[in-house]
Protein backbone atom coordinates (compact mmCIF):
# COMPACT_ATOMS: atom_id res chain seq x y z
CA MET A 1 -0.10 0.06 -0.07
CA SER A 2 1.42 3.43 -0.94
CA SER A 3 2.19 6.14 1.78
CA VAL A 4 -0.47 8.19 0.16
CA ARG A 5 -3.06 5.82 0.74
CA LYS A 6 -1.95 4.89 4.20
CA LEU A 7 -1.98 8.61 4.93
CA ALA A 8 -5.69 8.86 3.96
CA LYS A 9 -6.81 5.50 5.46
CA ASN A 10 -5.26 6.46 8.88
CA ASN A 11 -6.25 10.16 8.77
CA ALA A 12 -2.59 11.04 8.86
CA THR A 13 -0.78 14.12 7.60
CA MET A 14 2.44 14.47 5.83
CA GLU A 15 4.41 15.28 8.96
CA ASP A 16 3.79 12.03 10.14
CA LEU A 17 5.88 10.41 7.50
CA PRO A 18 9.73 10.09 8.23
CA PRO A 19 11.57 12.66 6.50
CA LEU A 20 13.04 11.70 2.96
CA ASP A 21 16.65 11.26 2.70
CA ARG A 22 18.40 11.04 -0.52
CA TYR A 23 18.42 7.31 -0.71
CA ARG A 24 14.60 6.88 0.29
CA ALA A 25 13.87 9.79 -2.27
CA ASP A 26 15.60 8.32 -5.01
CA GLU A 27 13.80 4.99 -4.29
CA ILE A 28 10.33 6.78 -4.52
CA LEU A 29 11.17 9.19 -7.62
CA GLU A 30 13.45 6.63 -9.63
CA PRO A 31 12.40 3.13 -8.56
CA ASN A 32 14.24 1.65 -11.71
CA GLY A 33 17.40 4.07 -11.52
CA PRO A 34 20.87 3.22 -10.53
CA ILE A 35 22.10 2.03 -7.26
CA TRP A 36 25.53 3.36 -6.84
CA GLY A 37 28.45 1.92 -4.55
CA LEU A 38 29.00 -1.43 -3.18
CA ALA A 39 27.48 -0.71 0.07
CA GLN A 40 24.15 0.30 -1.42
CA ILE A 41 24.33 -2.74 -3.76
CA ALA A 42 25.09 -4.87 -0.76
CA GLY A 43 22.31 -3.50 1.17
CA ARG A 44 19.60 -4.05 -1.51
CA LEU A 45 20.67 -7.46 -1.84
CA GLY A 46 21.21 -8.38 1.83
CA LEU A 47 24.75 -9.43 1.34
CA SER A 48 28.27 -8.39 2.46
CA VAL A 49 30.35 -5.93 0.39
CA ASP A 50 32.81 -8.62 -0.33
CA THR A 51 30.22 -10.96 -1.56
CA VAL A 52 28.85 -8.15 -3.74
CA ARG A 53 32.64 -7.39 -5.05
CA GLU A 54 33.04 -11.03 -5.85
CA LEU A 55 29.65 -11.24 -7.83
CA ALA A 56 30.69 -8.20 -9.63
CA SER A 57 33.42 -10.06 -11.23
CA ARG A 58 31.09 -12.62 -12.64
CA GLU A 59 29.87 -12.10 -16.27
CA ASP A 60 26.23 -13.03 -15.52
CA THR A 61 25.92 -10.72 -12.80
CA PRO A 62 24.28 -7.01 -13.60
CA ILE A 63 26.88 -5.02 -11.52
CA TYR A 64 29.13 -2.72 -13.50
CA ARG A 65 32.09 -0.67 -12.78
CA PRO A 66 32.80 1.26 -15.81
CA SER A 67 34.94 4.23 -14.45
CA GLY A 68 36.07 2.54 -11.02
CA LYS A 69 32.47 3.05 -9.08
CA TYR A 70 30.19 0.17 -9.08
CA PHE A 71 26.57 0.51 -9.69
CA ALA A 72 23.69 -1.70 -10.73
CA TRP A 73 20.21 -0.61 -12.20
CA SER A 74 17.35 -1.62 -9.78
CA ALA A 75 15.24 -3.46 -12.54
CA GLU A 76 18.09 -5.56 -13.65
CA LEU A 77 19.04 -6.43 -10.27
CA ASP A 78 15.76 -7.31 -9.35
CA ALA A 79 15.38 -9.27 -12.43
CA TRP A 80 18.37 -11.24 -11.96
CA LEU A 81 17.44 -12.05 -8.44
CA ARG A 82 14.15 -13.52 -9.77
CA SER A 83 15.98 -15.72 -12.11
CA LYS A 84 18.08 -17.39 -9.39
């Protein structure tokens, strides 16, 4: 259920929601956008940073490092997880 529907159902206001941080705002505004950095990717997958670094070295994993910084597209990562 979306936050807006929850607000309407519970007669709550926007002040009742937690503040938006950069990562939560990105997830709401751009749900299929990029996830930057090993720590963020690891958090999304529920794995350690070392495990994500190891996975990134495999050809079949949608984790990229074109200019030194790791990133993954949310939609690709979700599709890859569903295929496992």
